[in-house]
Amino acid sequence: MPGLYSWRNFWIFWGGGLALFAYLILSGGALETAVAPNGILDHQSAATAARVNAIQQSWDEAGVLNLARWGMILDLVFITLYMSGGIIGGRLIWQWARSPALKKLGLLSVLVYFLFGLSDYVETICQLVQLVNEQGSDWLAGTAAIARPVKIIAWIIGTVVMMVALVWRWRETRT
């Protein structure tokens, strides 16, 4: 699929992922309740079925359970966009950079964005299954809680590495 790896597609996927991420953050306030003051973030870090059930019950009582479901579905779309964009961008940088160090940053981006996607898919699917079933699961809640810090670290590293690599690549192409 050589047509997939283009700067146009990178900006569509990566930029689209960032835009959707911003939307999810801005709309997440509706899921804040007394039981879950941090909204969806509390659900992500809930490591037990009892905690998940309490959060989901508070959302149901607040009338936002469907909003939570749609938010998690949109999160799956975000993961797909942002991970794909990061992998496309990393590969393009790795493939076209002149500097060996910049090539390594491109390869690092590919690996970190893959790890981000994998860990965020695990976390979000575990959450969504519990939400759709309207029943917490110790195994699913624990798995989501374990995947969360991996996802966060990979997201931070991937985002910083990509920004540095993009600036470096821009400077390299201007000389």
C-alpha atoms as a PDB file:
ATOM      1  CA  MET A   1       0.000   0.000   0.000  1.00  0.00           C
ATOM      2  CA  PRO A   2       2.471   2.615  -1.108  1.00  0.00           C
ATOM      3  CA  GLY A   3      -0.290   5.234  -1.541  1.00  0.00           C
ATOM      4  CA  LEU A   4      -1.065   5.082   2.178  1.00  0.00           C
ATOM      5  CA  TYR A   5       2.314   6.523   3.144  1.00  0.00           C
ATOM      6  CA  SER A   6       2.036  10.163   2.105  1.00  0.00           C
ATOM      7  CA  TRP A   7       2.350  13.452   3.946  1.00  0.00           C
ATOM      8  CA  ARG A   8      -1.239  14.227   2.997  1.00  0.00           C
ATOM      9  CA  ASN A   9      -2.475  11.084   4.740  1.00  0.00           C
ATOM     10  CA  PHE A  10      -0.226  11.758   7.719  1.00  0.00           C
ATOM     11  CA  TRP A  11      -1.804  15.167   8.266  1.00  0.00           C
ATOM     12  CA  ILE A  12      -5.337  13.810   7.740  1.00  0.00           C
ATOM     13  CA  PHE A  13      -4.886  10.956  10.231  1.00  0.00           C
ATOM     14  CA  TRP A  14      -2.611  12.590  12.798  1.00  0.00           C
ATOM     15  CA  GLY A  15      -4.275  16.006  12.644  1.00  0.00           C
ATOM     16  CA  GLY A  16      -7.723  14.428  12.597  1.00  0.00           C
ATOM     17  CA  GLY A  17      -6.755  12.370  15.641  1.00  0.00           C
ATOM     18  CA  LEU A  18      -5.606  15.469  17.511  1.00  0.00           C
ATOM     19  CA  ALA A  19      -8.813  17.323  16.599  1.00  0.00           C
ATOM     20  CA  LEU A  20     -10.967  14.421  17.789  1.00  0.00           C
ATOM     21  CA  PHE A  21      -8.894  14.198  20.983  1.00  0.00           C
ATOM     22  CA  ALA A  22      -9.594  17.884  21.659  1.00  0.00           C
ATOM     23  CA  TYR A  23     -13.320  17.297  21.091  1.00  0.00           C
ATOM     24  CA  LEU A  24     -13.332  14.329  23.486  1.00  0.00           C
ATOM     25  CA  ILE A  25     -11.622  16.394  26.177  1.00  0.00           C
ATOM     26  CA  LEU A  26     -14.025  19.312  25.736  1.00  0.00           C
ATOM     27  CA  SER A  27     -17.111  17.086  25.816  1.00  0.00           C
ATOM     28  CA  GLY A  28     -15.870  14.893  28.692  1.00  0.00           C
ATOM     29  CA  GLY A  29     -17.122  17.276  31.376  1.00  0.00           C
ATOM     30  CA  ALA A  30     -20.648  15.939  30.943  1.00  0.00           C
ATOM     31  CA  LEU A  31     -19.495  12.642  32.506  1.00  0.00           C
ATOM     32  CA  GLU A  32     -18.334  14.260  35.746  1.00  0.00           C
ATOM     33  CA  THR A  33     -20.444  13.158  38.724  1.00  0.00           C
ATOM     34  CA  ALA A  34     -19.961  13.037  42.494  1.00  0.00           C
ATOM     35  CA  VAL A  35     -18.842   9.406  42.142  1.00  0.00           C
ATOM     36  CA  ALA A  36     -16.661  10.139  39.115  1.00  0.00           C
ATOM     37  CA  PRO A  37     -15.405  13.729  39.504  1.00  0.00           C
ATOM     38  CA  ASN A  38     -12.906  13.172  36.686  1.00  0.00           C
ATOM     39  CA  GLY A  39     -15.492  11.615  34.380  1.00  0.00           C
ATOM     40  CA  ILE A  40     -14.140   9.076  31.937  1.00  0.00           C
ATOM     41  CA  LEU A  41     -10.698   9.196  33.545  1.00  0.00           C
ATOM     42  CA  ASP A  42     -12.167   7.670  36.706  1.00  0.00           C
ATOM     43  CA  HIS A  43     -13.679   4.852  34.629  1.00  0.00           C
ATOM     44  CA  GLN A  44     -10.303   4.227  32.953  1.00  0.00           C
ATOM     45  CA  SER A  45      -8.501   3.912  36.270  1.00  0.00           C
ATOM     46  CA  ALA A  46     -11.251   1.955  38.066  1.00  0.00           C
ATOM     47  CA  ALA A  47      -9.485  -1.324  38.804  1.00  0.00           C
ATOM     48  CA  THR A  48     -12.457  -3.203  40.266  1.00  0.00           C
ATOM     49  CA  ALA A  49     -15.920  -4.206  39.118  1.00  0.00           C
ATOM     50  CA  ALA A  50     -17.431  -2.489  42.170  1.00  0.00           C
ATOM     51  CA  ARG A  51     -15.849   0.845  41.236  1.00  0.00           C
ATOM     52  CA  VAL A  52     -16.902   0.501  37.574  1.00  0.00           C
ATOM     53  CA  ASN A  53     -20.468  -0.329  38.651  1.00  0.00           C
ATOM     54  CA  ALA A  54     -20.610   2.719  40.942  1.00  0.00           C
ATOM     55  CA  ILE A  55     -19.370   5.009  38.155  1.00  0.00           C
ATOM     56  CA  GLN A  56     -21.753   3.570  35.572  1.00  0.00           C
ATOM     57  CA  GLN A  57     -24.665   3.807  38.008  1.00  0.00           C
ATOM     58  CA  SER A  58     -23.850   7.488  38.620  1.00  0.00           C
ATOM     59  CA  TRP A  59     -23.828   8.069  34.853  1.00  0.00           C
ATOM     60  CA  ASP A  60     -27.142   6.279  34.484  1.00  0.00           C
ATOM     61  CA  GLU A  61     -28.684   8.396  37.256  1.00  0.00           C
ATOM     62  CA  ALA A  62     -27.317  11.548  35.594  1.00  0.00           C
ATOM     63  CA  GLY A  63     -28.760  10.433  32.236  1.00  0.00           C
ATOM     64  CA  VAL A  64     -25.379  10.350  30.475  1.00  0.00           C
ATOM     65  CA  LEU A  65     -24.824   6.605  30.043  1.00  0.00           C
ATOM     66  CA  ASN A  66     -25.427   6.823  26.269  1.00  0.00           C
ATOM     67  CA  LEU A  67     -23.048   9.779  26.064  1.00  0.00           C
ATOM     68  CA  ALA A  68     -20.388   7.618  27.755  1.00  0.00           C
ATOM     69  CA  ARG A  69     -20.967   4.831  25.211  1.00  0.00           C
ATOM     70  CA  TRP A  70     -20.642   7.209  22.279  1.00  0.00           C
ATOM     71  CA  GLY A  71     -17.588   8.792  23.856  1.00  0.00           C
ATOM     72  CA  MET A  72     -15.880   5.406  24.042  1.00  0.00           C
ATOM     73  CA  ILE A  73     -16.821   4.607  20.443  1.00  0.00           C
ATOM     74  CA  LEU A  74     -15.356   7.952  19.386  1.00  0.00           C
ATOM     75  CA  ASP A  75     -12.280   7.094  21.453  1.00  0.00           C
ATOM     76  CA  LEU A  76     -11.820   3.993  19.264  1.00  0.00           C
ATOM     77  CA  VAL A  77     -11.989   6.249  16.195  1.00  0.00           C
ATOM     78  CA  PHE A  78      -9.443   8.598  17.799  1.00  0.00           C
ATOM     79  CA  ILE A  79      -7.086   5.706  18.551  1.00  0.00           C
ATOM     80  CA  THR A  80      -7.289   4.514  14.952  1.00  0.00           C
ATOM     81  CA  LEU A  81      -6.663   7.970  13.505  1.00  0.00           C
ATOM     82  CA  TYR A  82      -3.883   9.050  15.847  1.00  0.00           C
ATOM     83  CA  MET A  83      -2.040   5.724  15.845  1.00  0.00           C
ATOM     84  CA  SER A  84      -2.249   5.436  12.055  1.00  0.00           C
ATOM     85  CA  GLY A  85      -1.074   9.010  11.600  1.00  0.00           C
ATOM     86  CA  GLY A  86       1.847   8.479  13.955  1.00  0.00           C
ATOM     87  CA  ILE A  87       2.896   5.296  12.179  1.00  0.00           C
ATOM     88  CA  ILE A  88       2.579   6.923   8.737  1.00  0.00           C
ATOM     89  CA  GLY A  89       4.539  10.000   9.868  1.00  0.00           C
ATOM     90  CA  GLY A  90       7.207   7.913  11.581  1.00  0.00           C
ATOM     91  CA  ARG A  91       7.674   5.767   8.499  1.00  0.00           C
ATOM     92  CA  LEU A  92       7.897   8.795   6.196  1.00  0.00           C
ATOM     93  CA  ILE A  93      10.497  10.408   8.452  1.00  0.00           C
ATOM     94  CA  TRP A  94      12.438   7.142   8.736  1.00  0.00           C
ATOM     95  CA  GLN A  95      12.300   6.649   4.975  1.00  0.00           C
ATOM     96  CA  TRP A  96      13.165  10.173   3.782  1.00  0.00           C
ATOM     97  CA  ALA A  97      15.331  11.739   6.505  1.00  0.00           C
ATOM     98  CA  ARG A  98      18.980  12.425   5.673  1.00  0.00           C
ATOM     99  CA  SER A  99      20.242  12.363   9.243  1.00  0.00           C
ATOM    100  CA  PRO A 100      20.724   8.906  10.815  1.00  0.00           C
ATOM    101  CA  ALA A 101      19.517  10.296  14.168  1.00  0.00           C
ATOM    102  CA  LEU A 102      16.320  11.626  12.577  1.00  0.00           C
ATOM    103  CA  LYS A 103      15.777   8.247  10.900  1.00  0.00           C
ATOM    104  CA  LYS A 104      15.961   6.669  14.367  1.00  0.00           C
ATOM    105  CA  LEU A 105      13.362   9.142  15.654  1.00  0.00           C
ATOM    106  CA  GLY A 106      11.109   8.107  12.771  1.00  0.00           C
ATOM    107  CA  LEU A 107      11.510   4.437  13.658  1.00  0.00           C
ATOM    108  CA  LEU A 108      10.926   5.225  17.344  1.00  0.00           C
ATOM    109  CA  SER A 109       7.686   6.983  16.358  1.00  0.00           C
ATOM    110  CA  VAL A 110       6.464   3.907  14.502  1.00  0.00           C
ATOM    111  CA  LEU A 111       7.141   1.671  17.501  1.00  0.00           C
ATOM    112  CA  VAL A 112       5.744   4.045  20.134  1.00  0.00           C
ATOM    113  CA  TYR A 113       2.574   4.800  18.167  1.00  0.00           C
ATOM    114  CA  PHE A 114       2.005   1.062  17.710  1.00  0.00           C
ATOM    115  CA  LEU A 115       2.401   0.554  21.476  1.00  0.00           C
ATOM    116  CA  PHE A 116       0.056   3.490  22.123  1.00  0.00           C
ATOM    117  CA  GLY A 117      -2.601   2.044  19.826  1.00  0.00           C
ATOM    118  CA  LEU A 118      -2.342  -1.447  21.238  1.00  0.00           C
ATOM    119  CA  SER A 119      -2.545  -0.342  24.876  1.00  0.00           C
ATOM    120  CA  ASP A 120      -5.334   2.183  24.243  1.00  0.00           C
ATOM    121  CA  TYR A 121      -7.386  -0.374  22.273  1.00  0.00           C
ATOM    122  CA  VAL A 122      -7.034  -2.849  25.160  1.00  0.00           C
ATOM    123  CA  GLU A 123      -8.080  -0.210  27.693  1.00  0.00           C
ATOM    124  CA  THR A 124     -11.007   1.182  25.699  1.00  0.00           C
ATOM    125  CA  ILE A 125     -12.396  -2.181  24.604  1.00  0.00           C
ATOM    126  CA  CYS A 126     -12.291  -3.398  28.215  1.00  0.00           C
ATOM    127  CA  GLN A 127     -14.188  -0.262  29.271  1.00  0.00           C
ATOM    128  CA  LEU A 128     -16.702  -0.454  26.434  1.00  0.00           C
ATOM    129  CA  VAL A 129     -17.544  -4.120  27.104  1.00  0.00           C
ATOM    130  CA  GLN A 130     -18.318  -3.271  30.738  1.00  0.00           C
ATOM    131  CA  LEU A 131     -20.372  -0.253  29.699  1.00  0.00           C
ATOM    132  CA  VAL A 132     -22.388  -2.126  27.059  1.00  0.00           C
ATOM    133  CA  ASN A 133     -23.032  -4.994  29.481  1.00  0.00           C
ATOM    134  CA  GLU A 134     -23.852  -2.459  32.209  1.00  0.00           C
ATOM    135  CA  GLN A 135     -21.843  -4.661  34.537  1.00  0.00           C
ATOM    136  CA  GLY A 136     -18.310  -4.244  35.820  1.00  0.00           C
ATOM    137  CA  SER A 137     -15.781  -7.060  35.641  1.00  0.00           C
ATOM    138  CA  ASP A 138     -12.756  -7.307  37.919  1.00  0.00           C
ATOM    139  CA  TRP A 139     -10.718  -8.817  35.088  1.00  0.00           C
ATOM    140  CA  LEU A 140     -11.690  -6.191  32.493  1.00  0.00           C
ATOM    141  CA  ALA A 141     -11.395  -3.293  34.956  1.00  0.00           C
ATOM    142  CA  GLY A 142      -7.983  -4.513  36.118  1.00  0.00           C
ATOM    143  CA  THR A 143      -6.775  -4.973  32.545  1.00  0.00           C
ATOM    144  CA  ALA A 144      -7.929  -1.461  31.583  1.00  0.00           C
ATOM    145  CA  ALA A 145      -6.250   0.006  34.682  1.00  0.00           C
ATOM    146  CA  ILE A 146      -2.969  -1.763  33.819  1.00  0.00           C
ATOM    147  CA  ALA A 147      -3.077  -0.621  30.177  1.00  0.00           C
ATOM    148  CA  ARG A 148      -3.756   3.023  31.114  1.00  0.00           C
ATOM    149  CA  PRO A 149      -0.240   4.076  32.273  1.00  0.00           C
ATOM    150  CA  VAL A 150       1.355   2.336  29.267  1.00  0.00           C
ATOM    151  CA  LYS A 151      -1.011   4.247  26.981  1.00  0.00           C
ATOM    152  CA  ILE A 152      -0.313   7.571  28.693  1.00  0.00           C
ATOM    153  CA  ILE A 153       3.465   7.163  28.550  1.00  0.00           C
ATOM    154  CA  ALA A 154       3.346   6.037  24.904  1.00  0.00           C
ATOM    155  CA  TRP A 155       1.054   8.962  24.013  1.00  0.00           C
ATOM    156  CA  ILE A 156       3.382  11.514  25.625  1.00  0.00           C
ATOM    157  CA  ILE A 157       6.550  10.036  24.106  1.00  0.00           C
ATOM    158  CA  GLY A 158       4.935   9.625  20.683  1.00  0.00           C
ATOM    159  CA  THR A 159       3.570  13.159  20.606  1.00  0.00           C
ATOM    160  CA  VAL A 160       6.842  14.771  21.729  1.00  0.00           C
ATOM    161  CA  VAL A 161       8.985  12.627  19.407  1.00  0.00           C
ATOM    162  CA  MET A 162       6.701  13.379  16.448  1.00  0.00           C
ATOM    163  CA  MET A 163       6.794  17.137  17.074  1.00  0.00           C
ATOM    164  CA  VAL A 164      10.585  17.130  17.414  1.00  0.00           C
ATOM    165  CA  ALA A 165      10.932  14.955  14.304  1.00  0.00           C
ATOM    166  CA  LEU A 166       8.596  17.174  12.270  1.00  0.00           C
ATOM    167  CA  VAL A 167      10.530  20.328  13.178  1.00  0.00           C
ATOM    168  CA  TRP A 168      13.836  18.577  12.503  1.00  0.00           C
ATOM    169  CA  ARG A 169      12.558  17.246   9.153  1.00  0.00           C
ATOM    170  CA  TRP A 170      11.267  20.706   8.197  1.00  0.00           C
ATOM    171  CA  ARG A 171      14.670  22.247   9.003  1.00  0.00           C
ATOM    172  CA  GLU A 172      16.464  19.461   7.146  1.00  0.00           C
ATOM    173  CA  THR A 173      14.408  20.018   3.984  1.00  0.00           C
ATOM    174  CA  ARG A 174      15.005  23.794   4.101  1.00  0.00           C
ATOM    175  CA  THR A 175      18.794  23.483   3.889  1.00  0.00           C
END
